[in-house]
Amino acid sequence: MFDIACGTNIIRIEFSKTFQVRDVRQLWDKDLNTFREKAKKILLVLKPGISLIISTFNNYLN
């Protein structure tokens, strides 16, 4: 299940070597900016009635 949530098995494999977050942090954060850009595009098409969710999500992204 962890591999599915991460979209890859690389994080699990690397973490299993030392069980230290610092050892996988760079892998984990590698695509964060790409995700943020894609999420912004998705948020632009949402209806105004859910502005609280958008605001909360934008706070999470920043």
N, C-alpha and C. Protein backbone atom coordinates (compact mmCIF):
# COMPACT_ATOMS: atom_id res chain seq x y z
N MET A 1 0.83 -1.20 0.00
CA MET A 1 0.00 0.00 0.00
C MET A 1 0.87 1.26 0.00
N PHE A 2 1.97 1.23 0.73
CA PHE A 2 2.87 2.39 0.79
C PHE A 2 3.40 2.72 -0.61
N ASP A 3 3.77 1.70 -1.36
CA ASP A 3 4.28 1.91 -2.72
C ASP A 3 3.24 2.59 -3.60
N ILE A 4 2.00 2.21 -3.44
CA ILE A 4 0.92 2.81 -4.24
C ILE A 4 0.75 4.27 -3.86
N ALA A 5 0.75 4.57 -2.57
CA ALA A 5 0.58 5.95 -2.10
C ALA A 5 1.73 6.84 -2.57
N CYS A 6 2.93 6.29 -2.59
CA CYS A 6 4.11 7.06 -3.02
C CYS A 6 4.25 7.11 -4.54
N GLY A 7 3.63 6.16 -5.21
CA GLY A 7 3.76 6.09 -6.66
C GLY A 7 5.01 5.38 -7.12
N THR A 8 5.74 4.81 -6.19
CA THR A 8 6.98 4.10 -6.51
C THR A 8 7.38 3.22 -5.33
N ASN A 9 8.23 2.25 -5.59
CA ASN A 9 8.75 1.42 -4.49
C ASN A 9 10.11 1.91 -4.01
N ILE A 10 10.68 2.90 -4.69
CA ILE A 10 12.02 3.39 -4.37
C ILE A 10 12.11 3.95 -2.95
N ILE A 11 11.11 4.70 -2.53
CA ILE A 11 11.12 5.30 -1.19
C ILE A 11 11.18 4.18 -0.13
N ARG A 12 10.32 3.19 -0.27
CA ARG A 12 10.28 2.08 0.69
C ARG A 12 11.60 1.32 0.73
N ILE A 13 12.15 1.04 -0.43
CA ILE A 13 13.40 0.29 -0.50
C ILE A 13 14.53 1.06 0.17
N GLU A 14 14.66 2.34 -0.15
CA GLU A 14 15.73 3.15 0.45
C GLU A 14 15.52 3.33 1.95
N PHE A 15 14.28 3.56 2.37
CA PHE A 15 13.99 3.73 3.80
C PHE A 15 14.29 2.45 4.57
N SER A 16 14.03 1.31 3.97
CA SER A 16 14.25 0.02 4.62
C SER A 16 15.73 -0.26 4.91
N LYS A 17 16.60 0.43 4.24
CA LYS A 17 18.04 0.22 4.45
C LYS A 17 18.50 0.74 5.81
N THR A 18 18.02 1.93 6.21
CA THR A 18 18.49 2.54 7.46
C THR A 18 17.38 2.96 8.40
N PHE A 19 16.15 3.00 7.89
CA PHE A 19 14.98 3.46 8.65
C PHE A 19 15.16 4.89 9.17
N GLN A 20 15.84 5.71 8.39
CA GLN A 20 16.05 7.11 8.71
C GLN A 20 15.38 7.98 7.64
N VAL A 21 14.53 8.89 8.08
CA VAL A 21 13.82 9.76 7.14
C VAL A 21 14.82 10.61 6.36
N ARG A 22 15.87 11.06 7.02
CA ARG A 22 16.85 11.92 6.33
C ARG A 22 17.45 11.24 5.10
N ASP A 23 17.46 9.91 5.10
CA ASP A 23 18.03 9.18 3.97
C ASP A 23 17.11 9.14 2.76
N VAL A 24 15.84 9.42 2.93
CA VAL A 24 14.90 9.39 1.80
C VAL A 24 14.26 10.76 1.55
N ARG A 25 14.59 11.73 2.36
CA ARG A 25 13.95 13.05 2.25
C ARG A 25 14.14 13.66 0.86
N GLN A 26 15.34 13.57 0.31
CA GLN A 26 15.61 14.13 -1.01
C GLN A 26 14.76 13.42 -2.08
N LEU A 27 14.65 12.10 -1.98
CA LEU A 27 13.80 11.35 -2.91
C LEU A 27 12.34 11.76 -2.76
N TRP A 28 11.92 11.92 -1.51
CA TRP A 28 10.53 12.24 -1.22
C TRP A 28 10.16 13.62 -1.76
N ASP A 29 11.06 14.58 -1.61
CA ASP A 29 10.79 15.96 -2.01
C ASP A 29 11.12 16.26 -3.46
N LYS A 30 11.74 15.31 -4.14
CA LYS A 30 12.25 15.53 -5.50
C LYS A 30 11.18 16.11 -6.44
N ASP A 31 10.00 15.58 -6.41
CA ASP A 31 8.95 16.00 -7.33
C ASP A 31 7.93 16.94 -6.70
N LEU A 32 8.23 17.50 -5.55
CA LEU A 32 7.29 18.35 -4.84
C LEU A 32 6.89 19.59 -5.63
N ASN A 33 7.85 20.26 -6.25
CA ASN A 33 7.53 21.45 -7.02
C ASN A 33 6.66 21.13 -8.24
N THR A 34 6.93 20.00 -8.87
CA THR A 34 6.10 19.56 -9.99
C THR A 34 4.68 19.31 -9.52
N PHE A 35 4.52 18.65 -8.38
CA PHE A 35 3.20 18.41 -7.83
C PHE A 35 2.48 19.72 -7.54
N ARG A 36 3.18 20.67 -6.95
CA ARG A 36 2.56 21.96 -6.63
C ARG A 36 2.06 22.67 -7.88
N GLU A 37 2.84 22.64 -8.94
CA GLU A 37 2.42 23.29 -10.19
C GLU A 37 1.19 22.60 -10.78
N LYS A 38 1.18 21.27 -10.76
CA LYS A 38 0.03 20.54 -11.28
C LYS A 38 -1.21 20.78 -10.42
N ALA A 39 -1.03 20.84 -9.12
CA ALA A 39 -2.14 21.06 -8.21
C ALA A 39 -2.75 22.44 -8.42
N LYS A 40 -1.93 23.45 -8.68
CA LYS A 40 -2.45 24.79 -8.94
C LYS A 40 -3.36 24.81 -10.16
N LYS A 41 -2.97 24.08 -11.20
CA LYS A 41 -3.79 24.02 -12.41
C LYS A 41 -5.13 23.35 -12.11
N ILE A 42 -5.11 22.32 -11.32
CA ILE A 42 -6.36 21.62 -10.96
C ILE A 42 -7.23 22.52 -10.11
N LEU A 43 -6.64 23.24 -9.18
CA LEU A 43 -7.40 24.11 -8.29
C LEU A 43 -8.09 25.23 -9.06
N LEU A 44 -7.55 25.63 -10.18
CA LEU A 44 -8.15 26.71 -10.96
C LEU A 44 -9.49 26.31 -11.57
N VAL A 45 -9.74 25.03 -11.76
CA VAL A 45 -10.99 24.60 -12.39
C VAL A 45 -12.07 24.22 -11.37
N LEU A 46 -11.77 24.31 -10.10
CA LEU A 46 -12.76 23.98 -9.07
C LEU A 46 -13.79 25.10 -8.94
N LYS A 47 -14.98 24.75 -8.50
CA LYS A 47 -16.06 25.71 -8.35
C LYS A 47 -15.81 26.60 -7.13
N PRO A 48 -16.25 27.86 -7.19
CA PRO A 48 -16.03 28.80 -6.09
C PRO A 48 -16.66 28.36 -4.77
N GLY A 49 -17.65 27.51 -4.78
CA GLY A 49 -18.33 27.09 -3.57
C GLY A 49 -17.46 26.32 -2.60
N ILE A 50 -16.30 25.89 -3.05
CA ILE A 50 -15.42 25.14 -2.16
C ILE A 50 -14.13 25.91 -1.89
N SER A 51 -14.27 27.20 -1.73
CA SER A 51 -13.09 28.06 -1.55
C SER A 51 -12.33 27.71 -0.27
N LEU A 52 -12.99 27.22 0.76
CA LEU A 52 -12.31 26.85 1.99
C LEU A 52 -11.33 25.71 1.74
N ILE A 53 -11.76 24.75 0.95
CA ILE A 53 -10.89 23.62 0.62
C ILE A 53 -9.69 24.12 -0.18
N ILE A 54 -9.94 24.99 -1.14
CA ILE A 54 -8.86 25.53 -1.96
C ILE A 54 -7.87 26.29 -1.08
N SER A 55 -8.40 27.14 -0.21
CA SER A 55 -7.54 27.92 0.67
C SER A 55 -6.70 27.01 1.56
N THR A 56 -7.32 26.00 2.13
CA THR A 56 -6.60 25.07 2.99
C THR A 56 -5.53 24.33 2.20
N PHE A 57 -5.87 23.88 1.00
CA PHE A 57 -4.92 23.15 0.18
C PHE A 57 -3.76 24.05 -0.23
N ASN A 58 -4.05 25.29 -0.59
CA ASN A 58 -2.99 26.22 -0.97
C ASN A 58 -2.06 26.48 0.21
N ASN A 59 -2.60 26.55 1.42
CA ASN A 59 -1.76 26.73 2.60
C ASN A 59 -0.86 25.52 2.78
N TYR A 60 -1.38 24.35 2.50
CA TYR A 60 -0.58 23.12 2.60
C TYR A 60 0.57 23.13 1.60
N LEU A 61 0.29 23.61 0.41
CA LEU A 61 1.30 23.61 -0.65
C LEU A 61 2.42 24.60 -0.37
N ASN A 62 2.14 25.64 0.35
CA ASN A 62 3.16 26.67 0.60
C ASN A 62 3.77 26.51 1.92
